[in-house]
């Protein structure tokens, strides 16, 4: 599975990073989501899905590899 971010929607709440820091981080300049590993390792799939569901702007989505 892959995860992608729409940076036009991202407002930098960083809930994704709070929920799954293994995959997400925050850009130091703009404060927006950075996906460190777009190809999500199997052990983090549930955490990534939780992060996607918790994004206030709906800026994250999961796609199939």
PDB file of N, CA and C in Angstrom:
ATOM      1  N   UNK A   1       0.830  -1.171   0.000  1.00  0.00           N
ATOM      2  CA  UNK A   1       0.000   0.000   0.000  1.00  0.00           C
ATOM      3  C   UNK A   1       0.878   1.239   0.000  1.00  0.00           C
ATOM      4  N   UNK A   2       0.344   2.311  -0.589  1.00  0.00           N
ATOM      5  CA  UNK A   2       1.035   3.594  -0.622  1.00  0.00           C
ATOM      6  C   UNK A   2       0.167   4.647   0.056  1.00  0.00           C
ATOM      7  N   UNK A   3       0.795   5.697   0.520  1.00  0.00           N
ATOM      8  CA  UNK A   3       0.065   6.836   1.068  1.00  0.00           C
ATOM      9  C   UNK A   3       0.550   8.094   0.358  1.00  0.00           C
ATOM     10  N   UNK A   4      -0.391   8.979   0.045  1.00  0.00           N
ATOM     11  CA  UNK A   4      -0.060  10.231  -0.632  1.00  0.00           C
ATOM     12  C   UNK A   4      -0.712  11.388   0.118  1.00  0.00           C
ATOM     13  N   UNK A   5      -0.118  12.577  -0.039  1.00  0.00           N
ATOM     14  CA  UNK A   5      -0.647  13.772   0.606  1.00  0.00           C
ATOM     15  C   UNK A   5      -0.934  14.833  -0.446  1.00  0.00           C
ATOM     16  N   UNK A   6      -2.043  15.527  -0.273  1.00  0.00           N
ATOM     17  CA  UNK A   6      -2.379  16.687  -1.090  1.00  0.00           C
ATOM     18  C   UNK A   6      -1.927  17.912  -0.302  1.00  0.00           C
ATOM     19  N   UNK A   7      -0.798  18.483  -0.677  1.00  0.00           N
ATOM     20  CA  UNK A   7      -0.233  19.610   0.076  1.00  0.00           C
ATOM     21  C   UNK A   7      -1.072  20.877  -0.039  1.00  0.00           C
ATOM     22  N   UNK A   8      -1.955  20.952  -1.038  1.00  0.00           N
ATOM     23  CA  UNK A   8      -2.862  22.094  -1.128  1.00  0.00           C
ATOM     24  C   UNK A   8      -3.911  22.051  -0.020  1.00  0.00           C
ATOM     25  N   UNK A   9      -4.248  20.849   0.445  1.00  0.00           N
ATOM     26  CA  UNK A   9      -5.226  20.700   1.521  1.00  0.00           C
ATOM     27  C   UNK A   9      -4.590  20.689   2.915  1.00  0.00           C
ATOM     28  N   UNK A  10      -3.364  20.207   3.011  1.00  0.00           N
ATOM     29  CA  UNK A  10      -2.691  20.069   4.308  1.00  0.00           C
ATOM     30  C   UNK A  10      -2.540  21.429   4.989  1.00  0.00           C
ATOM     31  N   UNK A  11      -2.944  21.472   6.269  1.00  0.00           N
ATOM     32  CA  UNK A  11      -2.821  22.695   7.059  1.00  0.00           C
ATOM     33  C   UNK A  11      -1.768  22.572   8.165  1.00  0.00           C
ATOM     34  N   UNK A  12      -1.101  21.436   8.238  1.00  0.00           N
ATOM     35  CA  UNK A  12      -0.001  21.270   9.179  1.00  0.00           C
ATOM     36  C   UNK A  12      -0.393  20.959  10.606  1.00  0.00           C
ATOM     37  N   UNK A  13      -1.514  20.284  10.801  1.00  0.00           N
ATOM     38  CA  UNK A  13      -1.919  19.898  12.163  1.00  0.00           C
ATOM     39  C   UNK A  13      -1.006  18.832  12.768  1.00  0.00           C
ATOM     40  N   UNK A  14      -0.344  18.069  11.912  1.00  0.00           N
ATOM     41  CA  UNK A  14       0.625  17.033  12.303  1.00  0.00           C
ATOM     42  C   UNK A  14       0.013  15.863  13.056  1.00  0.00           C
ATOM     43  N   UNK A  15      -1.281  15.653  12.916  1.00  0.00           N
ATOM     44  CA  UNK A  15      -1.892  14.469  13.534  1.00  0.00           C
ATOM     45  C   UNK A  15      -1.302  13.199  12.939  1.00  0.00           C
ATOM     46  N   UNK A  16      -1.009  13.239  11.634  1.00  0.00           N
ATOM     47  CA  UNK A  16      -0.424  12.063  10.986  1.00  0.00           C
ATOM     48  C   UNK A  16       0.905  11.693  11.631  1.00  0.00           C
ATOM     49  N   UNK A  17       1.733  12.693  11.872  1.00  0.00           N
ATOM     50  CA  UNK A  17       3.027  12.437  12.498  1.00  0.00           C
ATOM     51  C   UNK A  17       2.857  11.945  13.932  1.00  0.00           C
ATOM     52  N   UNK A  18       1.904  12.496  14.645  1.00  0.00           N
ATOM     53  CA  UNK A  18       1.633  12.049  16.016  1.00  0.00           C
ATOM     54  C   UNK A  18       1.220  10.577  16.044  1.00  0.00           C
ATOM     55  N   UNK A  19       0.412  10.171  15.063  1.00  0.00           N
ATOM     56  CA  UNK A  19      -0.113   8.813  15.035  1.00  0.00           C
ATOM     57  C   UNK A  19       0.834   7.794  14.413  1.00  0.00           C
ATOM     58  N   UNK A  20       1.674   8.233  13.482  1.00  0.00           N
ATOM     59  CA  UNK A  20       2.581   7.297  12.804  1.00  0.00           C
ATOM     60  C   UNK A  20       3.875   7.999  12.393  1.00  0.00           C
ATOM     61  N   UNK A  21       4.740   8.301  13.354  1.00  0.00           N
ATOM     62  CA  UNK A  21       5.992   8.999  13.045  1.00  0.00           C
ATOM     63  C   UNK A  21       6.962   8.171  12.202  1.00  0.00           C
ATOM     64  N   UNK A  22       6.696   6.886  12.072  1.00  0.00           N
ATOM     65  CA  UNK A  22       7.546   6.027  11.248  1.00  0.00           C
ATOM     66  C   UNK A  22       7.364   6.327   9.750  1.00  0.00           C
ATOM     67  N   UNK A  23       6.231   6.915   9.393  1.00  0.00           N
ATOM     68  CA  UNK A  23       5.919   7.184   7.987  1.00  0.00           C
ATOM     69  C   UNK A  23       5.810   8.679   7.690  1.00  0.00           C
ATOM     70  N   UNK A  24       5.300   9.459   8.660  1.00  0.00           N
ATOM     71  CA  UNK A  24       5.051  10.880   8.444  1.00  0.00           C
ATOM     72  C   UNK A  24       5.970  11.766   9.275  1.00  0.00           C
ATOM     73  N   UNK A  25       6.277  12.930   8.730  1.00  0.00           N
ATOM     74  CA  UNK A  25       6.972  13.972   9.497  1.00  0.00           C
ATOM     75  C   UNK A  25       6.407  15.311   9.043  1.00  0.00           C
ATOM     76  N   UNK A  26       6.956  16.389   9.584  1.00  0.00           N
ATOM     77  CA  UNK A  26       6.473  17.721   9.260  1.00  0.00           C
ATOM     78  C   UNK A  26       7.613  18.544   8.687  1.00  0.00           C
ATOM     79  N   UNK A  27       7.333  19.219   7.592  1.00  0.00           N
ATOM     80  CA  UNK A  27       8.309  20.101   6.956  1.00  0.00           C
ATOM     81  C   UNK A  27       8.626  21.266   7.888  1.00  0.00           C
ATOM     82  N   UNK A  28       9.899  21.508   8.146  1.00  0.00           N
ATOM     83  CA  UNK A  28      10.318  22.556   9.082  1.00  0.00           C
ATOM     84  C   UNK A  28      10.033  23.962   8.572  1.00  0.00           C
ATOM     85  N   UNK A  29       9.936  24.142   7.274  1.00  0.00           N
ATOM     86  CA  UNK A  29       9.721  25.470   6.698  1.00  0.00           C
ATOM     87  C   UNK A  29       8.238  25.799   6.590  1.00  0.00           C
ATOM     88  N   UNK A  30       7.478  24.929   5.935  1.00  0.00           N
ATOM     89  CA  UNK A  30       6.063  25.196   5.704  1.00  0.00           C
ATOM     90  C   UNK A  30       5.146  24.582   6.750  1.00  0.00           C
ATOM     91  N   UNK A  31       5.666  23.645   7.527  1.00  0.00           N
ATOM     92  CA  UNK A  31       4.860  23.003   8.557  1.00  0.00           C
ATOM     93  C   UNK A  31       3.853  22.001   8.025  1.00  0.00           C
ATOM     94  N   UNK A  32       4.054  21.536   6.809  1.00  0.00           N
ATOM     95  CA  UNK A  32       3.123  20.594   6.196  1.00  0.00           C
ATOM     96  C   UNK A  32       3.678  19.171   6.241  1.00  0.00           C
ATOM     97  N   UNK A  33       2.795  18.247   5.942  1.00  0.00           N
ATOM     98  CA  UNK A  33       3.116  16.822   5.981  1.00  0.00           C
ATOM     99  C   UNK A  33       4.208  16.453   4.982  1.00  0.00           C
ATOM    100  N   UNK A  34       5.118  15.619   5.451  1.00  0.00           N
ATOM    101  CA  UNK A  34       6.132  14.996   4.600  1.00  0.00           C
ATOM    102  C   UNK A  34       5.975  13.490   4.779  1.00  0.00           C
ATOM    103  N   UNK A  35       5.868  12.779   3.688  1.00  0.00           N
ATOM    104  CA  UNK A  35       5.781  11.323   3.760  1.00  0.00           C
ATOM    105  C   UNK A  35       7.185  10.771   3.593  1.00  0.00           C
ATOM    106  N   UNK A  36       7.682  10.190   4.663  1.00  0.00           N
ATOM    107  CA  UNK A  36       9.044   9.669   4.682  1.00  0.00           C
ATOM    108  C   UNK A  36       9.160   8.349   3.922  1.00  0.00           C
ATOM    109  N   UNK A  37       8.060   7.606   3.878  1.00  0.00           N
ATOM    110  CA  UNK A  37       8.080   6.294   3.242  1.00  0.00           C
ATOM    111  C   UNK A  37       6.735   6.062   2.567  1.00  0.00           C
ATOM    112  N   UNK A  38       6.601   6.448   1.298  1.00  0.00           N
ATOM    113  CA  UNK A  38       5.333   6.318   0.584  1.00  0.00           C
ATOM    114  C   UNK A  38       4.898   4.859   0.439  1.00  0.00           C
ATOM    115  N   UNK A  39       5.854   3.951   0.302  1.00  0.00           N
ATOM    116  CA  UNK A  39       5.554   2.516   0.291  1.00  0.00           C
ATOM    117  C   UNK A  39       5.498   2.069   1.749  1.00  0.00           C
ATOM    118  N   UNK A  40       4.301   1.969   2.262  1.00  0.00           N
ATOM    119  CA  UNK A  40       4.110   1.715   3.693  1.00  0.00           C
ATOM    120  C   UNK A  40       4.491   0.279   4.045  1.00  0.00           C
ATOM    121  N   UNK A  41       5.428   0.103   4.982  1.00  0.00           N
ATOM    122  CA  UNK A  41       5.756  -1.242   5.457  1.00  0.00           C
ATOM    123  C   UNK A  41       4.524  -1.886   6.108  1.00  0.00           C
ATOM    124  N   UNK A  42       4.349  -3.158   5.929  1.00  0.00           N
ATOM    125  CA  UNK A  42       3.165  -3.868   6.412  1.00  0.00           C
ATOM    126  C   UNK A  42       2.888  -3.622   7.893  1.00  0.00           C
ATOM    127  N   UNK A  43       3.933  -3.524   8.699  1.00  0.00           N
ATOM    128  CA  UNK A  43       3.723  -3.363  10.138  1.00  0.00           C
ATOM    129  C   UNK A  43       3.144  -1.997  10.522  1.00  0.00           C
ATOM    130  N   UNK A  44       3.132  -1.041   9.582  1.00  0.00           N
ATOM    131  CA  UNK A  44       2.592   0.289   9.873  1.00  0.00           C
ATOM    132  C   UNK A  44       1.290   0.588   9.137  1.00  0.00           C
ATOM    133  N   UNK A  45       0.755  -0.370   8.412  1.00  0.00           N
ATOM    134  CA  UNK A  45      -0.446  -0.114   7.623  1.00  0.00           C
ATOM    135  C   UNK A  45      -1.625   0.360   8.471  1.00  0.00           C
ATOM    136  N   UNK A  46      -1.878  -0.269   9.590  1.00  0.00           N
ATOM    137  CA  UNK A  46      -3.013   0.140  10.432  1.00  0.00           C
ATOM    138  C   UNK A  46      -2.812   1.537  11.008  1.00  0.00           C
ATOM    139  N   UNK A  47      -1.587   1.863  11.404  1.00  0.00           N
ATOM    140  CA  UNK A  47      -1.303   3.205  11.923  1.00  0.00           C
ATOM    141  C   UNK A  47      -1.490   4.265  10.837  1.00  0.00           C
ATOM    142  N   UNK A  48      -1.106   3.933   9.610  1.00  0.00           N
ATOM    143  CA  UNK A  48      -1.276   4.871   8.500  1.00  0.00           C
ATOM    144  C   UNK A  48      -2.762   5.070   8.212  1.00  0.00           C
ATOM    145  N   UNK A  49      -3.529   3.998   8.204  1.00  0.00           N
ATOM    146  CA  UNK A  49      -4.978   4.130   7.981  1.00  0.00           C
ATOM    147  C   UNK A  49      -5.614   5.001   9.061  1.00  0.00           C
ATOM    148  N   UNK A  50      -5.182   4.833  10.287  1.00  0.00           N
ATOM    149  CA  UNK A  50      -5.687   5.673  11.386  1.00  0.00           C
ATOM    150  C   UNK A  50      -5.321   7.138  11.145  1.00  0.00           C
ATOM    151  N   UNK A  51      -4.103   7.392  10.718  1.00  0.00           N
ATOM    152  CA  UNK A  51      -3.675   8.761  10.432  1.00  0.00           C
ATOM    153  C   UNK A  51      -4.499   9.371   9.302  1.00  0.00           C
ATOM    154  N   UNK A  52      -4.765   8.586   8.258  1.00  0.00           N
ATOM    155  CA  UNK A  52      -5.574   9.073   7.134  1.00  0.00           C
ATOM    156  C   UNK A  52      -6.972   9.449   7.614  1.00  0.00           C
ATOM    157  N   UNK A  53      -7.576   8.600   8.445  1.00  0.00           N
ATOM    158  CA  UNK A  53      -8.919   8.881   8.962  1.00  0.00           C
ATOM    159  C   UNK A  53      -8.948  10.096   9.877  1.00  0.00           C
ATOM    160  N   UNK A  54      -7.835  10.398  10.516  1.00  0.00           N
ATOM    161  CA  UNK A  54      -7.792  11.493  11.484  1.00  0.00           C
ATOM    162  C   UNK A  54      -7.311  12.822  10.909  1.00  0.00           C
ATOM    163  N   UNK A  55      -7.004  12.876   9.635  1.00  0.00           N
ATOM    164  CA  UNK A  55      -6.561  14.135   9.020  1.00  0.00           C
ATOM    165  C   UNK A  55      -7.764  15.077   8.923  1.00  0.00           C
ATOM    166  N   UNK A  56      -7.732  16.233   9.608  1.00  0.00           N
ATOM    167  CA  UNK A  56      -8.880  17.142   9.614  1.00  0.00           C
ATOM    168  C   UNK A  56      -9.282  17.653   8.229  1.00  0.00           C
ATOM    169  N   UNK A  57      -8.337  17.805   7.345  1.00  0.00           N
ATOM    170  CA  UNK A  57      -8.618  18.327   6.008  1.00  0.00           C
ATOM    171  C   UNK A  57      -8.817  17.246   4.958  1.00  0.00           C
ATOM    172  N   UNK A  58      -8.601  15.985   5.334  1.00  0.00           N
ATOM    173  CA  UNK A  58      -8.700  14.912   4.354  1.00  0.00           C
ATOM    174  C   UNK A  58      -7.608  14.987   3.306  1.00  0.00           C
ATOM    175  N   UNK A  59      -6.436  15.440   3.721  1.00  0.00           N
ATOM    176  CA  UNK A  59      -5.325  15.635   2.795  1.00  0.00           C
ATOM    177  C   UNK A  59      -4.564  14.352   2.481  1.00  0.00           C
ATOM    178  N   UNK A  60      -4.825  13.299   3.226  1.00  0.00           N
ATOM    179  CA  UNK A  60      -4.111  12.039   3.035  1.00  0.00           C
ATOM    180  C   UNK A  60      -5.034  10.996   2.418  1.00  0.00           C
ATOM    181  N   UNK A  61      -4.433  10.140   1.578  1.00  0.00           N
ATOM    182  CA  UNK A  61      -5.196   9.018   1.064  1.00  0.00           C
ATOM    183  C   UNK A  61      -4.268   7.830   0.838  1.00  0.00           C
ATOM    184  N   UNK A  62      -4.869   6.676   0.936  1.00  0.00           N
ATOM    185  CA  UNK A  62      -4.146   5.408   0.723  1.00  0.00           C
ATOM    186  C   UNK A  62      -4.481   4.917  -0.669  1.00  0.00           C
ATOM    187  N   UNK A  63      -3.463   4.417  -1.364  1.00  0.00           N
ATOM    188  CA  UNK A  63      -3.665   3.793  -2.665  1.00  0.00           C
ATOM    189  C   UNK A  63      -3.024   2.413  -2.633  1.00  0.00           C
ATOM    190  N   UNK A  64      -3.409   1.597  -3.572  1.00  0.00           N
ATOM    191  CA  UNK A  64      -2.779   0.279  -3.655  1.00  0.00           C
ATOM    192  C   UNK A  64      -1.451   0.420  -4.359  1.00  0.00           C
ATOM    193  N   UNK A  65      -0.507  -0.401  -3.972  1.00  0.00           N
ATOM    194  CA  UNK A  65       0.837  -0.359  -4.558  1.00  0.00           C
ATOM    195  C   UNK A  65       0.844  -0.626  -6.032  1.00  0.00           C
TER     196      UNK A  65
END
